[in-house]
Amino acid sequence: MPHRSWTLLDSRTIADYEFVRIREDQYRFEPTGAEAPFVVCDSADWALVVALTGDRDVLLVRQYRHGVQQVVLETPGGVVDADVSPEETAVRELREETGFTAERVRLLGTMLPNPAINSASCHVVLAEGCRRTCEPSPDPLEKFEV
């Protein structure tokens, strides 16, 4: 629900893909009467995993990312599916991307990483006591370096 200073005049979907929907919302800013369109990216929430080994080393994943068109180093993580907790997502993504399993996981907090244009929340999960238990299992379009 918009803040009382803003009136939603119209909303239309621009593009709708499997993982993201782009929409344009037309608003009026009531204090001035000015109107403007705002582009919003609706996507699922995701979990970001801060994974620590028993020696307190941080597990990172190197992989190609299309948004920046380069190979980047990042924490494991992924989309939080419906009816799945951020902690369960963290356990799944940690195993899939690194082959590691954690002794303990806990939610550190939830943030809105880019609320100006994106509706998704990012759940930060701490995974401690991580140890290698299997090989990573990337999707057909993924390649990880742990």
Foldseek 3Di string as FASTA:
>chain_A
DDDPQKDWDDKDWPDDDPFKTKMKTWIARNVVRDIDIAIAIEGAAKEFEQEAAQVRDTDWKWWADPVVRGTDIGGFMDGQDPPHDSQNRRQVRCCQQAQKGAPDKDWPDKDDPCVRHYDYIYIYMYGYNIDHDGHHHDDPPIDIDD
